[in-house]
N, C-alpha and C. Protein backbone atom coordinates (compact mmCIF):
# COMPACT_ATOMS: atom_id res chain seq x y z
N MET A 1 -14.18 22.71 0.57
CA MET A 1 -13.83 21.29 0.24
C MET A 1 -13.47 20.49 1.96
N ASN A 2 -14.15 18.99 1.52
CA ASN A 2 -14.07 17.89 1.96
C ASN A 2 -12.59 17.75 2.66
N ALA A 3 -12.28 17.05 4.26
CA ALA A 3 -11.28 17.26 4.71
C ALA A 3 -10.29 16.00 3.84
N MET A 4 -11.58 14.78 2.98
CA MET A 4 -10.71 13.77 2.46
C MET A 4 -11.02 13.72 1.53
N THR A 5 -10.72 15.07 0.95
CA THR A 5 -11.35 14.89 -0.45
C THR A 5 -9.50 15.27 -0.70
N THR A 6 -8.64 14.92 -1.86
CA THR A 6 -7.31 15.43 -2.04
C THR A 6 -7.37 16.28 -3.41
N ASP A 7 -6.59 17.14 -3.10
CA ASP A 7 -6.21 17.72 -4.07
C ASP A 7 -5.29 16.86 -5.74
N ILE A 8 -5.00 15.98 -5.41
CA ILE A 8 -4.30 15.30 -6.22
C ILE A 8 -4.82 13.58 -7.06
N PRO A 9 -5.98 14.05 -7.73
CA PRO A 9 -6.78 12.88 -8.37
C PRO A 9 -5.74 11.73 -9.47
N ASP A 10 -4.13 12.34 -9.81
CA ASP A 10 -4.09 11.61 -10.62
C ASP A 10 -3.25 10.97 -10.18
N GLU A 11 -2.83 10.38 -8.74
CA GLU A 11 -1.61 9.48 -8.33
C GLU A 11 -2.61 7.73 -8.52
N ASP A 12 -2.05 6.95 -8.79
CA ASP A 12 -2.39 5.44 -8.72
C ASP A 12 -1.13 5.25 -7.55
N PHE A 13 -2.07 4.07 -6.24
CA PHE A 13 -1.75 3.66 -4.98
C PHE A 13 -1.51 2.31 -5.54
N ILE A 14 -0.60 1.75 -4.95
CA ILE A 14 -0.83 -0.32 -4.97
C ILE A 14 -0.02 -0.29 -3.55
N THR A 15 -0.80 -1.12 -3.05
CA THR A 15 -0.33 -1.53 -1.46
C THR A 15 0.24 -2.75 -1.20
N ILE A 16 0.75 -3.17 -0.33
CA ILE A 16 2.01 -4.62 -0.52
C ILE A 16 1.20 -5.21 0.38
N ILE A 17 1.25 -6.14 0.65
CA ILE A 17 0.45 -6.61 2.54
C ILE A 17 1.55 -7.94 2.43
N ALA A 18 2.15 -8.06 3.44
CA ALA A 18 2.77 -9.72 3.55
C ALA A 18 3.27 -9.64 4.88
N PRO A 19 3.76 -10.53 4.82
CA PRO A 19 4.43 -11.21 6.56
C PRO A 19 5.60 -10.10 7.19
N SER A 20 6.06 -10.07 5.87
CA SER A 20 7.65 -9.33 6.73
C SER A 20 8.06 -8.27 5.67
N MET A 21 8.55 -7.23 6.12
CA MET A 21 8.99 -5.99 5.00
C MET A 21 9.65 -6.57 4.47
N ALA A 22 10.68 -7.09 4.05
CA ALA A 22 11.53 -7.90 3.32
C ALA A 22 10.97 -8.61 1.91
N GLU A 23 9.44 -9.36 2.66
CA GLU A 23 8.73 -9.54 1.23
C GLU A 23 7.80 -8.93 0.57
N VAL A 24 7.97 -7.73 1.40
CA VAL A 24 7.28 -6.49 0.54
C VAL A 24 7.36 -5.62 -0.37
N MET A 25 9.34 -5.87 -0.24
CA MET A 25 9.93 -5.25 -0.80
C MET A 25 10.61 -5.95 -2.10
N GLU A 26 10.87 -7.91 -1.68
CA GLU A 26 11.08 -8.59 -2.95
C GLU A 26 9.72 -8.51 -4.06
N SER A 27 8.18 -8.32 -3.35
CA SER A 27 7.18 -7.77 -4.26
C SER A 27 7.26 -6.28 -4.81
N PHE A 28 7.63 -5.83 -4.37
CA PHE A 28 8.17 -4.15 -5.14
C PHE A 28 8.72 -4.81 -6.11
N ALA A 29 9.86 -5.30 -5.75
CA ALA A 29 10.62 -5.46 -6.69
C ALA A 29 10.74 -6.18 -8.05
N ALA A 30 9.92 -6.98 -7.86
CA ALA A 30 9.09 -8.55 -8.68
C ALA A 30 8.48 -7.90 -9.71
N GLN A 31 7.34 -6.86 -8.94
CA GLN A 31 6.64 -6.24 -10.07
C GLN A 31 7.17 -5.42 -10.81
N GLY A 32 8.26 -4.82 -10.83
CA GLY A 32 9.04 -3.76 -11.23
C GLY A 32 8.73 -2.98 -10.67
N LEU A 33 8.00 -2.21 -9.47
CA LEU A 33 7.18 -0.76 -9.44
C LEU A 33 8.16 -0.13 -9.76
N ALA A 34 9.45 0.06 -9.09
CA ALA A 34 10.28 1.42 -8.99
C ALA A 34 10.67 1.67 -10.63
N GLU A 35 10.64 0.97 -11.54
CA GLU A 35 10.86 1.20 -12.68
C GLU A 35 10.00 1.50 -13.65
N ARG A 36 8.24 1.38 -12.65
CA ARG A 36 7.14 1.86 -13.37
C ARG A 36 6.74 3.50 -11.97
N GLU A 37 8.03 4.10 -11.51
CA GLU A 37 8.10 5.35 -10.97
C GLU A 37 7.10 5.25 -9.77
N TYR A 38 7.14 4.32 -9.24
CA TYR A 38 6.36 3.77 -7.89
C TYR A 38 7.17 4.46 -7.02
N ALA A 39 6.53 4.95 -5.72
CA ALA A 39 7.85 5.92 -4.57
C ALA A 39 6.52 5.13 -2.67
N ILE A 40 7.51 4.64 -2.45
CA ILE A 40 6.52 4.49 -1.25
C ILE A 40 6.20 5.66 -0.45
N VAL A 41 4.84 5.83 -0.15
CA VAL A 41 4.36 7.15 0.39
C VAL A 41 4.85 7.34 2.03
N HIS A 42 4.51 6.21 2.72
CA HIS A 42 4.89 6.10 4.16
C HIS A 42 5.92 5.45 4.78
N ARG A 43 6.37 4.95 5.65
CA ARG A 43 7.11 3.90 6.09
C ARG A 43 6.11 2.96 6.14
N GLY A 44 6.04 1.75 5.68
CA GLY A 44 5.48 0.40 6.09
C GLY A 44 5.17 -0.32 8.08
N GLY A 45 4.40 -1.25 8.09
CA GLY A 45 4.23 -1.19 9.26
C GLY A 45 3.60 -2.51 9.87
N LYS A 46 3.21 -2.88 11.00
CA LYS A 46 2.25 -3.84 11.30
C LYS A 46 1.26 -3.36 11.24
N HIS A 47 0.27 -3.69 10.86
CA HIS A 47 -1.57 -3.76 10.37
C HIS A 47 -2.07 -4.85 10.94
N SER A 48 -3.93 -4.50 11.46
CA SER A 48 -4.67 -5.40 11.62
C SER A 48 -5.66 -5.12 10.54
N PHE A 49 -5.65 -6.23 9.94
CA PHE A 49 -7.01 -5.40 8.72
C PHE A 49 -8.40 -6.03 9.12
N THR A 50 -9.45 -4.98 8.62
CA THR A 50 -10.85 -5.39 8.94
C THR A 50 -11.60 -4.76 7.99
N LEU A 51 -12.72 -5.32 7.82
CA LEU A 51 -13.44 -5.09 6.17
C LEU A 51 -14.69 -3.77 6.89
N ALA A 52 -14.89 -3.37 6.42
CA ALA A 52 -15.64 -2.21 6.50
C ALA A 52 -17.22 -2.88 7.34
N GLY A 53 -17.72 -3.63 7.64
CA GLY A 53 -18.32 -4.99 7.58
C GLY A 53 -17.85 -5.32 9.01
N GLY A 54 -17.12 -5.20 9.41
CA GLY A 54 -16.71 -5.99 10.59
C GLY A 54 -15.78 -7.22 10.58
N GLU A 55 -15.67 -7.99 9.32
CA GLU A 55 -14.72 -9.18 9.02
C GLU A 55 -13.24 -9.00 8.88
N THR A 56 -12.45 -9.64 10.10
CA THR A 56 -11.15 -9.73 9.96
C THR A 56 -10.67 -10.62 9.06
N LEU A 57 -8.97 -10.08 8.46
CA LEU A 57 -8.65 -10.16 7.73
C LEU A 57 -7.30 -10.95 8.05
N PHE A 58 -7.24 -11.81 7.62
CA PHE A 58 -5.24 -12.39 7.92
C PHE A 58 -5.85 -13.31 9.23
N ASN A 59 -7.10 -14.02 9.64
CA ASN A 59 -7.40 -14.59 10.62
C ASN A 59 -6.79 -13.77 12.13
N GLY A 60 -7.08 -11.91 11.51
CA GLY A 60 -6.29 -11.23 12.73
C GLY A 60 -4.76 -11.08 13.10
N ALA A 61 -4.22 -12.04 12.12
CA ALA A 61 -2.53 -12.02 12.47
C ALA A 61 -2.43 -10.26 11.44
N LYS A 62 -0.59 -9.99 12.63
CA LYS A 62 -1.04 -8.39 12.34
C LYS A 62 -0.38 -8.96 11.17
N MET A 63 -0.36 -7.63 9.68
CA MET A 63 0.63 -8.37 8.51
C MET A 63 1.66 -6.52 8.55
N ILE A 64 2.25 -6.72 7.61
CA ILE A 64 3.36 -5.46 7.35
C ILE A 64 2.86 -4.97 5.84
N ALA A 65 1.94 -3.78 5.92
CA ALA A 65 1.64 -3.37 4.45
C ALA A 65 2.42 -1.90 4.58
N ALA A 66 2.78 -1.89 3.43
CA ALA A 66 3.29 -0.71 2.63
C ALA A 66 2.37 -0.33 1.27
N THR A 67 2.13 1.21 1.11
CA THR A 67 1.64 1.72 0.35
C THR A 67 2.62 2.81 -0.59
N PHE A 68 2.72 2.50 -1.84
CA PHE A 68 3.08 3.13 -3.09
C PHE A 68 1.98 3.70 -4.13
N ALA A 69 3.04 5.01 -4.00
CA ALA A 69 1.96 5.74 -5.29
C ALA A 69 2.91 6.72 -6.61
N ARG A 70 2.67 6.59 -7.80
CA ARG A 70 3.07 7.33 -8.47
C ARG A 70 2.10 8.44 -9.34
N ARG A 71 2.43 9.29 -9.91
CA ARG A 71 1.54 10.38 -10.51
C ARG A 71 1.15 9.20 -12.07
N ALA A 72 0.11 9.49 -12.16
CA ALA A 72 -1.07 8.51 -13.12
C ALA A 72 -0.28 8.72 -14.73
N GLY A 73 -0.41 8.77 -15.50
CA GLY A 73 0.57 9.02 -16.77
C GLY A 73 1.89 8.70 -16.59
N ALA A 74 2.50 8.48 -15.39
CA ALA A 74 4.15 8.64 -15.72
C ALA A 74 4.69 6.99 -15.56
């Protein structure tokens, strides 16, 4: 099995990106993600974003990103 392969193909992920963790969590609440059984995968933190082709996103500014997941069908 490839190290990049997961044994959990039935998960659904949403990553929210914002200037602050407070804004990430406001978006989480506004989208009703808790009610839809999403949970944070790992702590949120500052990220720099670059597309695979090398294009920098957000003018190079670091943004807070947090990823949330749920099992499909939940």
